[in-house]
PDB file of all heavy atoms in Angstrom:
ATOM      1  N   GLY A   1     115.504 112.822  97.171  1.00  0.00           N
ATOM      2  CA  GLY A   1     114.285 112.667  97.924  1.00  0.00           C
ATOM      3  C   GLY A   1     114.070 111.244  98.417  1.00  0.00           C
ATOM      4  O   GLY A   1     115.004 110.424  98.479  1.00  0.00           O
ATOM      5  N   ASP A   2     112.824 110.920  98.766  1.00  0.00           N
ATOM      6  CA  ASP A   2     112.477 109.606  99.274  1.00  0.00           C
ATOM      7  C   ASP A   2     112.335 108.607  98.145  1.00  0.00           C
ATOM      8  O   ASP A   2     111.929 108.964  97.041  1.00  0.00           O
ATOM      9  CB  ASP A   2     111.172 109.666 100.075  1.00  0.00           C
ATOM     10  CG  ASP A   2     111.290 110.535 101.319  1.00  0.00           C
ATOM     11  OD1 ASP A   2     112.402 110.580 101.845  1.00  0.00           O
ATOM     12  OD2 ASP A   2     110.282 111.139 101.717  1.00  0.00           O
ATOM     13  N   LEU A   3     112.672 107.362  98.452  1.00  0.00           N
ATOM     14  CA  LEU A   3     112.484 106.306  97.454  1.00  0.00           C
ATOM     15  C   LEU A   3     111.016 105.932  97.305  1.00  0.00           C
ATOM     16  O   LEU A   3     110.257 105.917  98.268  1.00  0.00           O
ATOM     17  CB  LEU A   3     113.266 105.056  97.913  1.00  0.00           C
ATOM     18  CG  LEU A   3     114.787 105.197  98.093  1.00  0.00           C
ATOM     19  CD1 LEU A   3     115.381 103.894  98.619  1.00  0.00           C
ATOM     20  CD2 LEU A   3     115.467 105.604  96.799  1.00  0.00           C
ATOM     21  N   THR A   4     110.627 105.657  96.073  1.00  0.00           N
ATOM     22  CA  THR A   4     109.282 105.133  95.814  1.00  0.00           C
ATOM     23  C   THR A   4     109.387 103.797  95.122  1.00  0.00           C
ATOM     24  O   THR A   4     110.106 103.623  94.150  1.00  0.00           O
ATOM     25  CB  THR A   4     108.473 106.110  94.929  1.00  0.00           C
ATOM     26  OG1 THR A   4     109.194 106.379  93.723  1.00  0.00           O
ATOM     27  CG2 THR A   4     108.214 107.411  95.663  1.00  0.00           C
ATOM     28  N   TYR A   5     108.640 102.842  95.684  1.00  0.00           N
ATOM     29  CA  TYR A   5     108.742 101.433  95.222  1.00  0.00           C
ATOM     30  C   TYR A   5     107.493 101.043  94.456  1.00  0.00           C
ATOM     31  O   TYR A   5     106.410 101.578  94.678  1.00  0.00           O
ATOM     32  CB  TYR A   5     108.854 100.494  96.425  1.00  0.00           C
ATOM     33  CG  TYR A   5     110.181 100.513  97.169  1.00  0.00           C
ATOM     34  CD1 TYR A   5     110.480 101.544  98.066  1.00  0.00           C
ATOM     35  CD2 TYR A   5     111.100  99.500  96.998  1.00  0.00           C
ATOM     36  CE1 TYR A   5     111.684 101.539  98.764  1.00  0.00           C
ATOM     37  CE2 TYR A   5     112.309  99.484  97.702  1.00  0.00           C
ATOM     38  CZ  TYR A   5     112.603 100.501  98.553  1.00  0.00           C
ATOM     39  OH  TYR A   5     113.781 100.520  99.245  1.00  0.00           O
ATOM     40  N   PRO A   6     107.611 100.021  93.593  1.00  0.00           N
ATOM     41  CA  PRO A   6     106.413  99.407  93.019  1.00  0.00           C
ATOM     42  C   PRO A   6     105.716  98.545  94.062  1.00  0.00           C
ATOM     43  O   PRO A   6     106.182  98.401  95.187  1.00  0.00           O
ATOM     44  CB  PRO A   6     106.958  98.550  91.862  1.00  0.00           C
ATOM     45  CG  PRO A   6     108.379  98.255  92.263  1.00  0.00           C
ATOM     46  CD  PRO A   6     108.849  99.439  93.046  1.00  0.00           C
ATOM     47  N   VAL A   7     104.554  97.973  93.722  1.00  0.00           N
ATOM     48  CA  VAL A   7     103.775  97.129  94.647  1.00  0.00           C
ATOM     49  C   VAL A   7     104.582  95.844  94.906  1.00  0.00           C
ATOM     50  O   VAL A   7     104.954  95.133  93.979  1.00  0.00           O
ATOM     51  CB  VAL A   7     102.401  96.788  94.062  1.00  0.00           C
ATOM     52  CG1 VAL A   7     101.643  95.880  95.009  1.00  0.00           C
ATOM     53  CG2 VAL A   7     101.624  98.038  93.772  1.00  0.00           C
ATOM     54  N   PRO A   8     104.882  95.566  96.168  1.00  0.00           N
ATOM     55  CA  PRO A   8     105.662  94.342  96.476  1.00  0.00           C
ATOM     56  C   PRO A   8     104.789  93.108  96.406  1.00  0.00           C
ATOM     57  O   PRO A   8     103.564  93.157  96.236  1.00  0.00           O
ATOM     58  CB  PRO A   8     106.173  94.594  97.889  1.00  0.00           C
ATOM     59  CG  PRO A   8     105.199  95.522  98.487  1.00  0.00           C
ATOM     60  CD  PRO A   8     104.638  96.380  97.371  1.00  0.00           C
ATOM     61  N   GLN A   9     105.441  91.958  96.597  1.00  0.00           N
ATOM     62  CA  GLN A   9     104.749  90.652  96.651  1.00  0.00           C
ATOM     63  C   GLN A   9     104.914  90.098  98.050  1.00  0.00           C
ATOM     64  O   GLN A   9     105.823  90.490  98.788  1.00  0.00           O
ATOM     65  CB  GLN A   9     105.374  89.702  95.631  1.00  0.00           C
ATOM     66  CG  GLN A   9     105.298  90.183  94.190  1.00  0.00           C
ATOM     67  CD  GLN A   9     106.309  89.476  93.312  1.00  0.00           C
ATOM     68  OE1 GLN A   9     107.516  89.601  93.491  1.00  0.00           O
ATOM     69  NE2 GLN A   9     105.822  88.689  92.371  1.00  0.00           N
ATOM     70  N   THR A  10     104.026  89.180  98.423  1.00  0.00           N
ATOM     71  CA  THR A  10     104.132  88.487  99.710  1.00  0.00           C
ATOM     72  C   THR A  10     104.841  87.154  99.497  1.00  0.00           C
ATOM     73  O   THR A  10     104.634  86.496  98.498  1.00  0.00           O
ATOM     74  CB  THR A  10     102.767  88.245 100.318  1.00  0.00           C
ATOM     75  OG1 THR A  10     101.932  87.509  99.418  1.00  0.00           O
ATOM     76  CG2 THR A  10     102.076  89.565 100.655  1.00  0.00           C
ATOM     77  N   LEU A  11     105.678  86.819 100.461  1.00  0.00           N
ATOM     78  CA  LEU A  11     106.384  85.546 100.441  1.00  0.00           C
ATOM     79  C   LEU A  11     106.385  84.989 101.863  1.00  0.00           C
ATOM     80  O   LEU A  11     107.049  85.549 102.724  1.00  0.00           O
ATOM     81  CB  LEU A  11     107.812  85.693  99.922  1.00  0.00           C
ATOM     82  CG  LEU A  11     108.669  84.416  99.885  1.00  0.00           C
ATOM     83  CD1 LEU A  11     108.063  83.417  98.928  1.00  0.00           C
ATOM     84  CD2 LEU A  11     110.094  84.735  99.489  1.00  0.00           C
ATOM     85  N   LEU A  12     105.605  83.915 102.078  1.00  0.00           N
ATOM     86  CA  LEU A  12     105.487  83.322 103.410  1.00  0.00           C
ATOM     87  C   LEU A  12     106.394  82.130 103.506  1.00  0.00           C
ATOM     88  O   LEU A  12     106.261  81.155 102.768  1.00  0.00           O
ATOM     89  CB  LEU A  12     104.029  82.904 103.667  1.00  0.00           C
ATOM     90  CG  LEU A  12     103.682  82.452 105.091  1.00  0.00           C
ATOM     91  CD1 LEU A  12     103.851  83.606 106.066  1.00  0.00           C
ATOM     92  CD2 LEU A  12     102.245  81.928 105.155  1.00  0.00           C
ATOM     93  N   ILE A  13     107.389  82.205 104.400  1.00  0.00           N
ATOM     94  CA  ILE A  13     108.366  81.121 104.604  1.00  0.00           C
ATOM     95  C   ILE A  13     108.383  80.766 106.097  1.00  0.00           C
ATOM     96  O   ILE A  13     108.715  81.598 106.921  1.00  0.00           O
ATOM     97  CB  ILE A  13     109.772  81.518 104.131  1.00  0.00           C
ATOM     98  CG1 ILE A  13     109.757  81.886 102.642  1.00  0.00           C
ATOM     99  CG2 ILE A  13     110.764  80.427 104.397  1.00  0.00           C
ATOM    100  CD1 ILE A  13     111.119  82.344 102.125  1.00  0.00           C
ATOM    101  N   SER A  14     108.005  79.531 106.389  1.00  0.00           N
ATOM    102  CA  SER A  14     108.057  79.032 107.791  1.00  0.00           C
ATOM    103  C   SER A  14     107.272  79.933 108.709  1.00  0.00           C
ATOM    104  O   SER A  14     107.735  80.234 109.848  1.00  0.00           O
ATOM    105  CB  SER A  14     109.508  78.898 108.245  1.00  0.00           C
ATOM    106  OG  SER A  14     110.233  78.058 107.389  1.00  0.00           O
ATOM    107  N   GLY A  15     106.126  80.385 108.290  1.00  0.00           N
ATOM    108  CA  GLY A  15     105.283  81.220 109.128  1.00  0.00           C
ATOM    109  C   GLY A  15     105.723  82.671 109.209  1.00  0.00           C
ATOM    110  O   GLY A  15     105.119  83.457 109.974  1.00  0.00           O
ATOM    111  N   MET A  16     106.748  83.074 108.443  1.00  0.00           N
ATOM    112  CA  MET A  16     107.247  84.457 108.485  1.00  0.00           C
ATOM    113  C   MET A  16     106.924  85.114 107.160  1.00  0.00           C
ATOM    114  O   MET A  16     107.239  84.583 106.112  1.00  0.00           O
ATOM    115  CB  MET A  16     108.730  84.487 108.758  1.00  0.00           C
ATOM    116  CG  MET A  16     109.132  83.811 110.050  1.00  0.00           C
ATOM    117  SD  MET A  16     110.932  83.846 110.358  1.00  0.00           S
ATOM    118  CE  MET A  16     111.154  85.583 110.734  1.00  0.00           C
ATOM    119  N   MET A  17     106.274  86.264 107.243  1.00  0.00           N
ATOM    120  CA  MET A  17     105.853  87.017 106.034  1.00  0.00           C
ATOM    121  C   MET A  17     106.951  87.971 105.583  1.00  0.00           C
ATOM    122  O   MET A  17     107.442  88.768 106.384  1.00  0.00           O
ATOM    123  CB  MET A  17     104.552  87.769 106.328  1.00  0.00           C
ATOM    124  CG  MET A  17     104.055  88.562 105.156  1.00  0.00           C
ATOM    125  SD  MET A  17     103.652  87.553 103.718  1.00  0.00           S
ATOM    126  CE  MET A  17     102.109  86.807 104.296  1.00  0.00           C
ATOM    127  N   ASN A  18     107.285  87.885 104.318  1.00  0.00           N
ATOM    128  CA  ASN A  18     108.259  88.761 103.725  1.00  0.00           C
ATOM    129  C   ASN A  18     107.622  89.599 102.602  1.00  0.00           C
ATOM    130  O   ASN A  18     106.796  89.079 101.863  1.00  0.00           O
ATOM    131  CB  ASN A  18     109.443  87.957 103.161  1.00  0.00           C
ATOM    132  CG  ASN A  18     110.123  87.106 104.201  1.00  0.00           C
ATOM    133  OD1 ASN A  18     111.025  87.545 104.881  1.00  0.00           O
ATOM    134  ND2 ASN A  18     109.684  85.861 104.357  1.00  0.00           N
ATOM    135  N   HIS A  19     108.063  90.859 102.475  1.00  0.00           N
ATOM    136  CA  HIS A  19     107.586  91.729 101.419  1.00  0.00           C
ATOM    137  C   HIS A  19     108.706  91.862 100.389  1.00  0.00           C
ATOM    138  O   HIS A  19     109.710  92.525 100.654  1.00  0.00           O
ATOM    139  CB  HIS A  19     107.208  93.101 101.970  1.00  0.00           C
ATOM    140  CG  HIS A  19     106.243  93.011 103.145  1.00  0.00           C
ATOM    141  ND1 HIS A  19     106.203  93.938 104.155  1.00  0.00           N
ATOM    142  CD2 HIS A  19     105.292  92.106 103.433  1.00  0.00           C
ATOM    143  CE1 HIS A  19     105.271  93.623 105.011  1.00  0.00           C
ATOM    144  NE2 HIS A  19     104.703  92.503 104.608  1.00  0.00           N
ATOM    145  N   VAL A  20     108.533  91.291  99.226  1.00  0.00           N
ATOM    146  CA  VAL A  20     109.672  91.066  98.317  1.00  0.00           C
ATOM    147  C   VAL A  20     109.338  91.439  96.867  1.00  0.00           C
ATOM    148  O   VAL A  20     108.193  91.733  96.545  1.00  0.00           O
ATOM    149  CB  VAL A  20     110.112  89.585  98.379  1.00  0.00           C
ATOM    150  CG1 VAL A  20     110.425  89.169  99.811  1.00  0.00           C
ATOM    151  CG2 VAL A  20     109.066  88.661  97.804  1.00  0.00           C
ATOM    152  N   TYR A  21     110.405  91.357  96.057  1.00  0.00           N
ATOM    153  CA  TYR A  21     110.315  91.480  94.606  1.00  0.00           C
ATOM    154  C   TYR A  21     111.089  90.300  94.008  1.00  0.00           C
ATOM    155  O   TYR A  21     112.294  90.177  94.204  1.00  0.00           O
ATOM    156  CB  TYR A  21     110.906  92.804  94.120  1.00  0.00           C
ATOM    157  CG  TYR A  21     110.237  94.005  94.693  1.00  0.00           C
ATOM    158  CD1 TYR A  21     110.771  94.674  95.786  1.00  0.00           C
ATOM    159  CD2 TYR A  21     109.057  94.507  94.133  1.00  0.00           C
ATOM    160  CE1 TYR A  21     110.160  95.785  96.327  1.00  0.00           C
ATOM    161  CE2 TYR A  21     108.430  95.624  94.681  1.00  0.00           C
ATOM    162  CZ  TYR A  21     108.980  96.271  95.771  1.00  0.00           C
ATOM    163  OH  TYR A  21     108.357  97.367  96.301  1.00  0.00           O
ATOM    164  N   GLU A  22     110.352  89.414  93.344  1.00  0.00           N
ATOM    165  CA  GLU A  22     110.947  88.189  92.812  1.00  0.00           C
ATOM    166  C   GLU A  22     111.350  88.337  91.311  1.00  0.00           C
ATOM    167  O   GLU A  22     111.921  87.390  90.767  1.00  0.00           O
ATOM    168  CB  GLU A  22     110.017  87.019  92.984  1.00  0.00           C
ATOM    169  CG  GLU A  22     109.767  86.714  94.447  1.00  0.00           C
ATOM    170  CD  GLU A  22     108.889  85.475  94.664  1.00  0.00           C
ATOM    171  OE1 GLU A  22     107.787  85.448  94.102  1.00  0.00           O
ATOM    172  OE2 GLU A  22     109.321  84.570  95.387  1.00  0.00           O
ATOM    173  N   GLY A  23     111.067  89.451  90.709  1.00  0.00           N
ATOM    174  CA  GLY A  23     111.457  89.697  89.310  1.00  0.00           C
ATOM    175  C   GLY A  23     112.080  91.073  89.213  1.00  0.00           C
ATOM    176  O   GLY A  23     112.293  91.762  90.213  1.00  0.00           O
ATOM    177  N   PRO A  24     112.439  91.493  88.022  1.00  0.00           N
ATOM    178  CA  PRO A  24     113.029  92.824  87.815  1.00  0.00           C
ATOM    179  C   PRO A  24     112.122  93.936  88.332  1.00  0.00           C
ATOM    180  O   PRO A  24     110.902  93.875  88.137  1.00  0.00           O
ATOM    181  CB  PRO A  24     113.242  92.904  86.315  1.00  0.00           C
ATOM    182  CG  PRO A  24     113.298  91.512  85.850  1.00  0.00           C
ATOM    183  CD  PRO A  24     112.387  90.745  86.741  1.00  0.00           C
ATOM    184  N   TYR A  25     112.705  94.943  88.950  1.00  0.00           N
ATOM    185  CA  TYR A  25     111.905  96.076  89.447  1.00  0.00           C
ATOM    186  C   TYR A  25     112.777  97.301  89.480  1.00  0.00           C
ATOM    187  O   TYR A  25     114.026  97.219  89.397  1.00  0.00           O
ATOM    188  CB  TYR A  25     111.321  95.772  90.839  1.00  0.00           C
ATOM    189  CG  TYR A  25     112.337  95.575  91.933  1.00  0.00           C
ATOM    190  CD1 TYR A  25     112.644  96.569  92.850  1.00  0.00           C
ATOM    191  CD2 TYR A  25     112.990  94.338  92.063  1.00  0.00           C
ATOM    192  CE1 TYR A  25     113.580  96.374  93.861  1.00  0.00           C
ATOM    193  CE2 TYR A  25     113.940  94.121  93.060  1.00  0.00           C
ATOM    194  CZ  TYR A  25     114.225  95.167  93.966  1.00  0.00           C
ATOM    195  OH  TYR A  25     115.132  94.958  94.972  1.00  0.00           O
ATOM    196  N   ALA A  26     112.143  98.472  89.584  1.00  0.00           N
ATOM    197  CA  ALA A  26     112.872  99.753  89.607  1.00  0.00           C
ATOM    198  C   ALA A  26     112.356 100.579  90.791  1.00  0.00           C
ATOM    199  O   ALA A  26     111.155 100.700  91.013  1.00  0.00           O
ATOM    200  CB  ALA A  26     112.687 100.477  88.280  1.00  0.00           C
ATOM    201  N   VAL A  27     113.301 101.138  91.540  1.00  0.00           N
ATOM    202  CA  VAL A  27     113.000 102.029  92.651  1.00  0.00           C
ATOM    203  C   VAL A  27     113.336 103.439  92.213  1.00  0.00           C
ATOM    204  O   VAL A  27     114.496 103.725  91.809  1.00  0.00           O
ATOM    205  CB  VAL A  27     113.779 101.609  93.890  1.00  0.00           C
ATOM    206  CG1 VAL A  27     113.424 102.528  95.081  1.00  0.00           C
ATOM    207  CG2 VAL A  27     113.525 100.177  94.281  1.00  0.00           C
ATOM    208  N   LEU A  28     112.362 104.353  92.287  1.00  0.00           N
ATOM    209  CA  LEU A  28     112.533 105.718  91.799  1.00  0.00           C
ATOM    210  C   LEU A  28     112.877 106.671  92.938  1.00  0.00           C
ATOM    211  O   LEU A  28     112.434 106.487  94.082  1.00  0.00           O
ATOM    212  CB  LEU A  28     111.292 106.174  91.065  1.00  0.00           C
ATOM    213  CG  LEU A  28     110.792 105.266  89.912  1.00  0.00           C
ATOM    214  CD1 LEU A  28     109.591 105.932  89.236  1.00  0.00           C
ATOM    215  CD2 LEU A  28     111.904 104.999  88.911  1.00  0.00           C
ATOM    216  N   VAL A  29     113.639 107.717  92.589  1.00  0.00           N
ATOM    217  CA  VAL A  29     113.942 108.757  93.582  1.00  0.00           C
ATOM    218  C   VAL A  29     114.147 110.074  92.849  1.00  0.00           C
ATOM    219  O   VAL A  29     114.793 110.145  91.808  1.00  0.00           O
ATOM    220  CB  VAL A  29     115.247 108.375  94.356  1.00  0.00           C
ATOM    221  CG1 VAL A  29     116.419 108.147  93.415  1.00  0.00           C
ATOM    222  CG2 VAL A  29     115.597 109.439  95.400  1.00  0.00           C
ATOM    223  N   PRO A  30     113.529 111.176  93.352  1.00  0.00           N
ATOM    224  CA  PRO A  30     113.703 112.465  92.706  1.00  0.00           C
ATOM    225  C   PRO A  30     115.007 113.139  93.215  1.00  0.00           C
ATOM    226  O   PRO A  30     115.379 113.039  94.350  1.00  0.00           O
ATOM    227  CB  PRO A  30     112.479 113.284  93.211  1.00  0.00           C
ATOM    228  CG  PRO A  30     112.135 112.641  94.527  1.00  0.00           C
ATOM    229  CD  PRO A  30     112.531 111.181  94.434  1.00  0.00           C
ATOM    230  N   LEU A  31     115.668 113.814  92.284  1.00  0.00           N
ATOM    231  CA  LEU A  31     116.928 114.499  92.591  1.00  0.00           C
ATOM    232  C   LEU A  31     116.721 115.984  92.345  1.00  0.00           C
ATOM    233  O   LEU A  31     116.401 116.399  91.220  1.00  0.00           O
ATOM    234  CB  LEU A  31     118.062 113.953  91.721  1.00  0.00           C
ATOM    235  CG  LEU A  31     119.488 114.431  92.050  1.00  0.00           C
ATOM    236  CD1 LEU A  31     119.932 113.921  93.412  1.00  0.00           C
ATOM    237  CD2 LEU A  31     120.458 113.964  90.949  1.00  0.00           C
ATOM    238  N   SER A  32     116.888 116.807  93.376  1.00  0.00           N
ATOM    239  CA  SER A  32     116.685 118.267  93.260  1.00  0.00           C
ATOM    240  C   SER A  32     117.961 118.941  92.757  1.00  0.00           C
ATOM    241  O   SER A  32     119.076 118.651  93.244  1.00  0.00           O
ATOM    242  CB  SER A  32     116.293 118.834  94.641  1.00  0.00           C
ATOM    243  OG  SER A  32     115.084 118.286  95.076  1.00  0.00           O
ATOM    244  N   VAL A  33     117.767 119.847  91.793  1.00  0.00           N
ATOM    245  CA  VAL A  33     118.907 120.557  91.141  1.00  0.00           C
ATOM    246  C   VAL A  33     118.876 122.001  91.643  1.00  0.00           C
ATOM    247  O   VAL A  33     117.849 122.686  91.581  1.00  0.00           O
ATOM    248  CB  VAL A  33     118.798 120.501  89.611  1.00  0.00           C
ATOM    249  CG1 VAL A  33     119.977 121.173  88.978  1.00  0.00           C
ATOM    250  CG2 VAL A  33     118.666 119.057  89.169  1.00  0.00           C
TER     251      VAL A  33
END
């Protein structure tokens, strides 16, 4: 299925906004049997 992410963090570098994870995180996905 579709990936589900935890809440990301904002990282502003040189006026450009990035949506990131700066520490450990897990992305979940359901698998149909």
